[in-house]
Structures are given as structure tokens and as C-alpha cells.
Protein backbone atom coordinates (compact mmCIF):
# COMPACT_ATOMS: atom_id res chain seq x y z
CA MET A 1 10.37 -37.25 27.75
CA THR A 2 9.56 -33.74 28.84
CA HIS A 3 8.99 -30.80 26.57
CA THR A 4 12.20 -29.05 27.59
CA ASP A 5 15.75 -30.19 28.26
CA ALA A 6 14.81 -33.74 27.29
CA ARG A 7 17.45 -36.42 27.16
CA VAL A 8 17.68 -37.06 23.43
CA PRO A 9 17.65 -40.57 21.98
CA GLN A 10 20.31 -41.75 19.56
CA ALA A 11 19.86 -39.45 16.54
CA LEU A 12 18.59 -40.95 13.33
CA GLY A 13 20.78 -40.89 10.25
CA PRO A 14 24.32 -41.91 9.35
CA PRO A 15 26.49 -43.21 12.19
CA PRO A 16 28.15 -40.22 13.84
CA THR A 17 31.91 -40.27 13.56
CA GLY A 18 32.80 -36.80 14.84
CA ARG A 19 34.46 -35.99 11.49
CA ARG A 20 33.43 -33.14 9.23
CA LEU A 21 31.58 -33.90 6.02
CA PRO A 22 33.75 -32.11 3.40
CA LEU A 23 30.84 -31.46 1.04
CA LEU A 24 29.03 -29.42 3.70
CA ASP A 25 31.92 -26.96 3.93
CA VAL A 26 31.98 -26.55 0.15
CA LEU A 27 28.20 -26.03 0.06
CA ARG A 28 28.36 -23.45 2.85
CA GLY A 29 31.12 -21.59 1.05
CA ALA A 30 29.11 -21.58 -2.18
CA ALA A 31 26.01 -20.41 -0.29
CA ILE A 32 27.86 -17.50 1.35
CA LEU A 33 29.40 -16.28 -1.91
CA GLY A 34 26.14 -16.99 -3.74
CA THR A 35 24.10 -14.75 -1.43
CA LEU A 36 26.50 -11.97 -2.38
CA MET A 37 25.50 -12.50 -6.03
CA THR A 38 22.12 -11.08 -5.00
CA ASN A 39 23.15 -8.63 -2.29
CA VAL A 40 25.80 -6.92 -4.40
CA TRP A 41 23.01 -5.46 -6.56
CA ILE A 42 21.38 -4.06 -3.42
CA PHE A 43 24.56 -2.32 -2.29
CA THR A 44 25.23 -0.84 -5.73
CA GLY A 45 21.67 0.23 -6.57
CA PRO A 46 20.13 3.67 -5.92
CA GLY A 47 18.90 3.83 -2.35
CA ALA A 48 20.75 0.61 -1.48
CA GLU A 49 18.84 -1.34 1.17
CA TRP A 50 15.64 0.68 0.86
CA GLY A 51 15.91 0.74 -2.92
CA ALA A 52 15.57 -3.04 -2.99
CA LEU A 53 12.04 -2.67 -1.60
CA ALA A 54 11.05 -0.19 -4.26
CA SER A 55 12.72 -1.62 -7.36
CA GLY A 56 11.68 -5.28 -7.04
CA SER A 57 12.62 -7.08 -10.26
CA SER A 58 15.94 -7.10 -12.10
CA THR A 59 16.66 -5.15 -15.28
CA GLY A 60 19.26 -5.82 -17.95
CA ALA A 61 20.59 -9.12 -19.24
CA VAL A 62 23.46 -9.39 -16.76
CA GLU A 63 21.37 -8.62 -13.68
CA VAL A 64 18.58 -10.91 -14.89
CA THR A 65 21.11 -13.73 -15.33
CA PHE A 66 22.42 -13.17 -11.81
CA SER A 67 18.83 -13.15 -10.57
CA VAL A 68 17.95 -16.43 -12.29
CA LEU A 69 21.05 -18.11 -10.89
CA ALA A 70 21.18 -16.55 -7.42
CA ASN A 71 18.18 -14.57 -6.19
CA GLY A 72 16.75 -16.57 -3.30
CA LYS A 73 18.55 -19.75 -4.40
CA PHE A 74 21.66 -19.49 -2.27
CA LEU A 75 19.63 -18.02 0.57
CA SER A 76 17.50 -21.18 0.47
CA LEU A 77 20.65 -23.29 0.27
CA LEU A 78 22.08 -21.50 3.30
CA THR A 79 18.83 -22.09 5.17
CA ILE A 80 18.87 -25.82 4.37
CA LEU A 81 22.47 -26.03 5.56
CA PHE A 82 21.55 -24.26 8.79
CA GLY A 83 19.04 -27.04 9.38
CA VAL A 84 21.79 -29.57 8.65
CA GLY A 85 23.99 -27.88 11.25
CA LEU A 86 21.16 -28.08 13.77
CA ALA A 87 20.78 -31.82 13.08
CA ILE A 88 24.53 -32.32 13.57
CA GLN A 89 24.45 -30.55 16.93
CA TYR A 90 21.43 -32.61 17.96
CA ALA A 91 23.30 -35.78 17.02
CA SER A 92 26.32 -34.60 19.02
CA ALA A 93 24.14 -34.04 22.07
CA ALA A 94 22.68 -37.53 21.60
CA ARG A 95 26.12 -39.16 21.52
CA ARG A 96 27.09 -37.41 24.74
CA GLY A 97 23.78 -38.02 26.47
CA GLN A 98 23.30 -34.28 26.99
CA PRO A 99 19.89 -32.60 27.39
CA TRP A 100 18.38 -30.96 24.34
CA PRO A 101 17.80 -28.13 23.49
CA GLY A 102 19.76 -27.38 26.67
CA ARG A 103 22.51 -24.87 26.03
CA TYR A 104 21.63 -24.62 22.35
CA ARG A 105 18.98 -22.08 23.28
CA TRP A 106 21.72 -19.74 24.46
CA ARG A 107 23.52 -20.28 21.16
CA ALA A 108 20.37 -19.31 19.23
CA LEU A 109 19.80 -16.25 21.43
CA PHE A 110 23.42 -15.19 20.94
CA LEU A 111 22.95 -15.57 17.18
CA PHE A 112 19.88 -13.34 17.41
CA GLY A 113 22.01 -10.74 19.17
CA GLU A 114 24.69 -10.99 16.48
CA GLY A 115 22.04 -10.58 13.81
CA THR A 116 20.61 -7.53 15.56
CA VAL A 117 24.02 -5.88 15.67
CA HIS A 118 24.57 -6.80 12.02
CA PHE A 119 21.20 -5.32 11.05
CA VAL A 120 21.73 -2.07 12.93
CA LEU A 121 25.37 -1.44 12.07
CA VAL A 122 25.86 -3.06 8.66
CA PHE A 123 23.03 -4.45 6.54
CA ALA A 124 19.24 -4.22 6.73
CA TRP A 125 18.66 -7.56 4.97
CA ASP A 126 20.29 -9.63 7.70
CA VAL A 127 19.30 -13.33 7.83
CA LEU A 128 20.74 -14.24 11.24
CA MET A 129 17.83 -12.92 13.29
CA GLY A 130 15.29 -14.99 11.38
CA TYR A 131 17.52 -18.06 11.59
CA ALA A 132 17.84 -17.70 15.35
CA VAL A 133 14.08 -17.56 15.93
CA THR A 134 13.45 -20.49 13.58
CA ALA A 135 16.24 -22.50 15.22
CA LEU A 136 14.59 -22.22 18.62
CA LEU A 137 11.40 -23.78 17.25
CA VAL A 138 13.08 -26.47 15.17
CA ALA A 139 15.45 -27.39 18.01
CA TRP A 140 12.39 -28.17 20.12
CA LEU A 141 10.76 -30.06 17.23
CA LEU A 142 13.76 -32.39 17.07
CA THR A 143 12.68 -33.80 20.44
CA ARG A 144 9.34 -34.80 18.90
CA SER A 145 8.67 -37.90 16.84
CA GLU A 146 9.67 -38.27 13.20
CA ARG A 147 6.00 -38.27 12.29
CA ALA A 148 5.43 -34.97 14.10
CA GLN A 149 8.42 -33.42 12.36
CA ARG A 150 7.19 -34.50 8.92
CA ARG A 151 3.74 -33.17 9.70
CA VAL A 152 5.09 -29.75 10.74
CA MET A 153 7.41 -29.67 7.74
CA TRP A 154 4.65 -30.19 5.18
CA TRP A 155 2.17 -27.97 7.02
CA ALA A 156 4.80 -25.21 6.96
CA ALA A 157 5.27 -25.74 3.22
CA GLY A 158 1.52 -25.57 2.64
CA LEU A 159 1.08 -22.41 4.69
CA HIS A 160 4.00 -20.76 2.94
CA LEU A 161 2.65 -21.58 -0.52
CA THR A 162 -0.77 -20.29 0.49
CA LEU A 163 0.67 -17.00 1.71
CA LEU A 164 2.87 -16.79 -1.38
CA GLY A 165 -0.13 -17.32 -3.64
CA LEU A 166 -2.10 -14.58 -1.89
CA LEU A 167 0.78 -12.12 -2.12
CA THR A 168 1.37 -12.89 -5.79
CA ALA A 169 -2.34 -12.56 -6.57
CA ALA A 170 -2.39 -9.19 -4.81
CA LEU A 171 0.56 -7.97 -6.86
CA LEU A 172 -0.95 -9.19 -10.12
CA THR A 173 -4.30 -7.52 -9.47
CA SER A 174 -3.04 -4.28 -7.95
CA PRO A 175 -3.18 -1.18 -10.17
CA ASP A 176 0.05 -0.03 -11.76
CA THR A 177 1.69 3.03 -10.27
CA ASP A 178 3.46 5.80 -12.10
CA ASP A 179 6.61 5.88 -9.97
CA GLY A 180 8.22 3.00 -11.88
CA GLY A 181 9.74 1.64 -8.70
CA THR A 182 11.91 4.71 -8.16
CA VAL A 183 13.47 5.62 -4.83
CA SER A 184 13.09 9.04 -3.27
CA PRO A 185 16.05 11.38 -3.84
CA GLU A 186 16.43 11.78 -0.07
CA VAL A 187 17.08 8.07 0.41
CA VAL A 188 19.45 7.92 -2.57
CA ASP A 189 21.39 10.85 -1.10
CA LEU A 190 21.47 9.19 2.32
CA TYR A 191 23.52 6.26 1.06
CA ALA A 192 25.53 8.29 -1.46
CA HIS A 193 26.47 11.18 0.82
CA GLY A 194 24.88 10.72 4.24
CA GLY A 195 26.71 9.96 7.45
CA TYR A 196 27.04 6.54 9.05
CA LEU A 197 24.91 7.47 12.07
CA ASP A 198 22.20 8.77 9.74
CA GLN A 199 22.10 5.40 7.98
CA ILE A 200 21.80 3.60 11.31
CA ALA A 201 18.97 5.90 12.34
CA PHE A 202 17.21 5.24 9.02
CA ARG A 203 17.35 1.48 9.57
CA LEU A 204 15.95 1.83 13.06
CA GLU A 205 13.17 4.17 11.93
CA ASN A 206 12.14 1.74 9.19
CA ALA A 207 12.90 -1.48 11.06
CA VAL A 208 9.39 -2.89 10.62
CA ALA A 209 9.51 -2.70 6.83
CA LEU A 210 13.14 -3.78 6.60
CA ARG A 211 12.57 -6.77 8.91
CA MET A 212 9.45 -7.97 7.10
CA GLU A 213 11.21 -10.64 5.01
CA PRO A 214 11.88 -13.14 7.85
CA VAL A 215 8.33 -12.62 9.09
CA LEU A 216 6.73 -13.31 5.71
CA THR A 217 9.01 -16.29 5.07
CA PHE A 218 8.87 -17.84 8.55
CA PHE A 219 7.03 -20.95 7.33
CA LEU A 220 9.52 -21.32 4.48
CA LEU A 221 12.38 -21.15 6.99
CA VAL A 222 10.78 -23.87 9.10
CA PHE A 223 10.29 -26.07 6.03
CA LEU A 224 13.86 -25.62 4.79
CA PHE A 225 15.35 -26.20 8.26
CA LEU A 226 13.46 -29.48 8.57
CA LEU A 227 14.34 -30.39 4.98
CA GLY A 228 18.00 -29.98 5.91
CA VAL A 229 17.48 -32.24 8.92
CA ARG A 230 15.85 -34.93 6.76
CA LEU A 231 18.54 -34.75 4.06
CA PHE A 232 21.29 -35.09 6.66
CA ARG A 233 19.63 -38.05 8.35
CA ALA A 234 19.11 -39.72 4.96
CA GLY A 235 22.84 -39.44 4.27
CA ALA A 236 22.59 -36.98 1.38
CA PHE A 237 25.92 -35.31 2.21
CA GLY A 238 28.06 -38.41 2.64
CA ALA A 239 30.78 -39.58 0.28
CA ASP A 240 29.31 -43.06 -0.04
CA GLU A 241 27.01 -44.53 -2.68
CA THR A 242 23.88 -43.55 -0.72
CA GLY A 243 24.92 -39.90 -0.72
CA ARG A 244 25.77 -39.90 -4.42
CA ARG A 245 22.47 -41.55 -5.31
CA LEU A 246 20.44 -39.04 -3.30
CA ARG A 247 22.37 -36.10 -4.74
CA SER A 248 21.79 -37.33 -8.29
CA ARG A 249 18.06 -37.24 -7.60
CA LEU A 250 18.32 -33.75 -6.14
CA LEU A 251 20.24 -32.65 -9.22
CA ALA A 252 17.69 -34.08 -11.65
CA TRP A 253 14.60 -32.75 -9.89
CA GLY A 254 16.10 -29.47 -8.72
CA LEU A 255 17.56 -28.36 -12.03
CA GLY A 256 15.02 -30.09 -14.26
CA LEU A 257 12.07 -28.45 -12.56
CA GLY A 258 13.62 -25.49 -10.77
CA LEU A 259 15.60 -23.91 -13.61
CA PRO A 260 12.75 -23.43 -16.12
CA LEU A 261 10.38 -22.27 -13.36
CA ASN A 262 12.92 -19.72 -12.14
CA VAL A 263 13.53 -18.42 -15.64
CA ALA A 264 9.79 -18.01 -16.21
CA ALA A 265 9.20 -16.32 -12.84
CA THR A 266 12.16 -13.96 -13.23
CA LEU A 267 11.18 -12.93 -16.76
CA GLY A 268 7.58 -12.48 -15.58
CA GLY A 269 8.37 -9.05 -14.21
CA PRO A 270 8.04 -7.34 -10.83
CA ASP A 271 4.62 -8.86 -10.08
CA LEU A 272 6.25 -12.30 -9.90
CA PHE A 273 9.27 -11.17 -7.87
CA VAL A 274 7.95 -12.68 -4.62
CA LEU A 275 7.13 -15.96 -6.37
CA ALA A 276 10.60 -16.13 -7.91
CA ARG A 277 12.50 -15.36 -4.71
CA TYR A 278 10.48 -17.43 -2.26
CA GLY A 279 8.62 -19.97 -4.40
CA THR A 280 10.68 -21.33 -7.26
CA ALA A 281 14.10 -20.51 -5.78
CA PRO A 282 14.13 -23.35 -3.19
CA LEU A 283 13.67 -25.89 -5.99
CA LEU A 284 16.81 -24.69 -7.72
CA ALA A 285 18.65 -24.60 -4.38
CA VAL A 286 17.99 -28.32 -4.01
CA GLY A 287 19.41 -28.80 -7.50
CA TYR A 288 22.54 -26.89 -6.49
CA ILE A 289 23.17 -29.43 -3.72
CA GLY A 290 23.17 -32.17 -6.35
CA LEU A 291 25.21 -30.15 -8.85
CA ILE A 292 27.92 -29.06 -6.42
CA GLY A 293 27.99 -32.56 -4.96
CA ALA A 294 28.50 -34.06 -8.44
CA VAL A 295 31.41 -31.70 -9.10
CA VAL A 296 33.05 -32.42 -5.75
CA ASP A 297 32.69 -36.18 -6.31
CA ARG A 298 34.72 -35.86 -9.52
CA VAL A 299 37.54 -33.76 -8.10
CA ARG A 300 40.62 -35.85 -7.39
CA ARG A 301 42.83 -33.11 -5.99
CA PRO A 302 41.31 -29.87 -4.65
CA GLY A 303 42.51 -26.75 -6.43
CA PRO A 304 42.41 -23.11 -5.31
CA LEU A 305 38.66 -22.75 -6.02
CA LEU A 306 37.58 -25.79 -4.02
CA THR A 307 40.03 -24.96 -1.24
CA GLY A 308 38.74 -21.40 -1.10
CA LEU A 309 35.10 -22.49 -0.98
CA THR A 310 35.91 -24.95 1.80
CA SER A 311 37.67 -22.24 3.80
CA VAL A 312 34.77 -19.82 3.41
CA GLY A 313 32.42 -22.60 4.46
CA ARG A 314 34.41 -23.24 7.63
CA THR A 315 34.27 -19.53 8.48
CA ALA A 316 30.75 -18.96 7.16
CA LEU A 317 29.50 -16.53 9.84
CA SER A 318 32.59 -14.35 9.59
CA GLY A 319 32.50 -14.45 5.79
CA TYR A 320 28.83 -13.50 5.66
CA VAL A 321 29.33 -10.43 7.82
CA LEU A 322 32.66 -9.45 6.24
CA GLN A 323 31.34 -9.46 2.68
CA ASN A 324 28.60 -7.03 3.71
CA VAL A 325 31.04 -4.79 5.57
CA LEU A 326 33.29 -4.69 2.49
CA CYS A 327 30.33 -3.77 0.27
CA VAL A 328 29.36 -0.94 2.62
CA LEU A 329 32.90 0.46 2.59
CA VAL A 330 33.21 0.17 -1.19
CA CYS A 331 29.73 1.28 -2.26
CA TYR A 332 28.36 3.83 0.22
CA GLY A 333 29.38 7.45 0.58
CA ILE A 334 30.87 6.74 4.02
CA GLY A 335 33.53 4.75 2.17
CA LEU A 336 34.70 4.89 -1.44
CA GLY A 337 31.26 5.78 -2.79
CA LEU A 338 31.64 3.67 -5.93
CA ALA A 339 27.91 2.99 -6.23
CA GLU A 340 27.27 6.61 -7.19
CA ARG A 341 30.52 7.07 -9.11
CA PHE A 342 29.96 4.03 -11.35
CA GLY A 343 26.16 4.07 -11.28
CA ASP A 344 25.85 4.95 -14.97
CA THR A 345 28.66 2.77 -16.31
CA GLY A 346 26.72 -0.47 -16.70
CA PRO A 347 26.56 -3.74 -14.77
CA TRP A 348 30.02 -5.14 -15.32
CA TRP A 349 31.65 -3.23 -12.50
CA VAL A 350 29.11 -4.84 -10.16
CA VAL A 351 30.10 -8.27 -11.45
CA GLY A 352 33.74 -7.32 -10.95
CA LEU A 353 33.04 -6.17 -7.41
CA TRP A 354 31.35 -9.48 -6.61
CA ALA A 355 34.27 -11.45 -8.05
CA ALA A 356 36.83 -9.34 -6.18
CA ILE A 357 35.12 -9.75 -2.81
CA CYS A 358 34.77 -13.50 -3.43
CA ALA A 359 38.51 -13.70 -4.11
CA VAL A 360 39.28 -11.72 -0.94
CA LEU A 361 37.08 -13.98 1.17
CA MET A 362 38.49 -17.20 -0.26
CA ALA A 363 42.12 -16.12 0.05
CA GLY A 364 41.61 -14.46 3.43
CA SER A 365 39.77 -17.38 5.01
CA THR A 366 42.34 -19.86 3.69
CA LEU A 367 45.20 -17.85 5.21
CA TRP A 368 43.28 -17.37 8.47
CA LEU A 369 42.66 -21.10 8.89
CA ARG A 370 46.36 -21.84 8.54
CA ARG A 371 46.81 -20.26 11.96
CA PHE A 372 43.40 -20.52 13.63
CA SER A 373 40.90 -23.36 13.81
CA THR A 374 37.76 -21.21 13.36
CA GLY A 375 36.75 -17.84 11.97
CA PRO A 376 36.98 -14.73 14.19
CA LEU A 377 33.24 -14.36 14.79
CA GLU A 378 32.91 -18.10 15.35
CA ALA A 379 35.68 -17.83 17.97
CA VAL A 380 33.89 -14.94 19.69
CA GLN A 381 30.68 -16.97 19.76
CA LYS A 382 32.42 -19.98 21.29
CA TRP A 383 34.16 -17.80 23.89
CA ALA A 384 30.92 -16.04 24.85
CA LEU A 385 28.99 -19.28 25.23
CA ARG A 386 31.65 -20.77 27.47
CA HIS A 387 31.30 -17.91 29.96
């Protein structure tokens, strides 16, 4: 077996059937709408994308509750599911006897391009670019032995925790500043009244700072990708007894350990923000897999909520980009400018905005899939990779 374009062996894990695993679509839908639970506070806060760097921790009971439930948790869930998707594509290549990574490298590079466009034109906290780079590495790792994959997975976890500990220690020992995490009036004005091209220029001028998250969390991304691969191969997303048993363990450990740790880290203040978002959050994300799986297992007939989540999950890329576009048009001065208009009215309008966009995405994706088999951006990606 060579290091590139190797013929893959029969993939480990549940026997491939070519059918979708329904739970995965529900989980993806929940992950997409859950990331908005965090991002909506970025769009509506002073200074928007740049303000998130300065403000750090959440304030107020409602925002703290959203932070405990969502900040970093659904991002981790989305990352795990991206690893699951990679494992599924690897298994598909194995069934067909196709070389791996093969054409998948073009898919990852195209995703990087999509993420770059998304970062420049829409949202500075894009995740697609980091996913694309990580996918290239993990795709190659899937051609290595199971032992090598486990070794890389746990080494990545150890390196991430070491870096996280150093960053947290630095924050705890650094002297307090007098700015209180405020954002400069110029930046606040940029998003409240500035032009669209000015906002693009600002992102490009500050690209290093705004793109630091995927760099600092690279080892976490590798770990979560490989965790997704292992969970898929173990059958954690199946509808059989094995899947239910594994998900019950994820539920018990994820919520039992992750929830109290996340509450403590979130209430610990801005110095523990990094620990909460990148350290304790993945634990709760694992619990969410078990929790959502337990709910889905008990549903006899899908209602509007489950149908909507499934539809968003099947159009995840389009939904992720669209929710950010909608927030830009609603919150920034280039659109309705509601972030400034309602800035002093309390947090409930932010909660309402999140709920409204979730409803739009669920209804819109459900109607879209009645006529088309994939989301619009997914269709563009498939068309581009065929040519």
C-alpha cells in the first residue's frame, strides 16, 4: 500500500448498505441550528465579529444559559459528524475498489475555497476552511492501520489539552486591563453603519487574528474527526441494539461529566472562556449524540420538528451559510441594522431572532427537498467536482 491513492481495504464498521442513517441527518440539523445559538450573539453584539474577540465571556442569565448549552458544543458535534462523513466516503470508496484519498482531495480543496469565500464575503468565524485542511490529513490517516489512527487520535488530544492548559494559565495569570473587554467605537460603527466593501476589507486586514481559531484548535479538530470515524465504525449511529447501547453510554458520560464541567467553566468568567469553548464543550457534545439519539429512538412518527431537523441536516452546507447570510442582512447596517436598533432592549430579541431563523431554515429546507435531492450549495459542489 502506497502513501497516496492507495487501494483501500474493506472499511471497518457496520456492513455498508448504501442507505442513509436517519439519526445522522437529525444530528447534523441540530448541529447547524445549534452553532447559530452561539453565532447569533456575535452578530448582535457591538463590533460583531471583532467584538467576539474582545468581549470573551457571556453576560446575563439568558446569554449564559445559551453559552452553557451551545458555546463550542454544537461546533464540536458538527466536527465529529464531519469525521463520520469522511468515514462514510472512505467506506464507499472501499466498496467500489476506488483509490483513496483519490478525488476526495479535490473535494477538500473545493471546500477550502468555499470556506474562503464564506470568510471574505459573509462571516469571519467560518469553520469550513479548518475542516478542509483537517480532512486532508485525516483522509490520509484512514489509509494507515487502526493502531496508527488511535495513536494519532490520542496524541492530538494530549497536545490540544496541553496547549489549552497553557493558554488558560496565561489568561489566569495575566494582569487585568481597564478596558472591560470593550470594542473600539470605530469597529462598532463599521458594522452598524459601514459599507459592505469596508467590512470585507476589515476582515482581510485582520485575517490573521480572525483565522486564529482553527489554528489553535487544529489538534482538537483532528481528535474529533477521528472520534467520529471510530464512533461510526463502532455502529454508534445505527438503529440496532448496538447503536442504542453505545448512545446510552455517550449520554451518561457526556451529560454526567460534561454538563457540570461546562457550567463551572462558563460561570468561571472570561479567564476560563477558552477552557469552556474548547475543553469542556466536546464532552457535552458527546452527550448530545446520546441525548438526541434517545429522543429519536422514542419517536414513532416524525413531526414538524424532527422533519425540519432532518431536512436541515440533509442540506447542512447550504443551511450553515444561509443562516449567517440572514444574520448579516438582519443585524448589520448594510441590511436592517437591528443589532444597533435593539441593542439596549435586552436579550430576548436575540433569542427570537435565533428561533425565527431556525424556523426559516427548517421550513425552507423541507420545501426545497420536495423538489430537489440536495441543497443548492451541495449541488454546486457536486457539479464542480464532476467537471
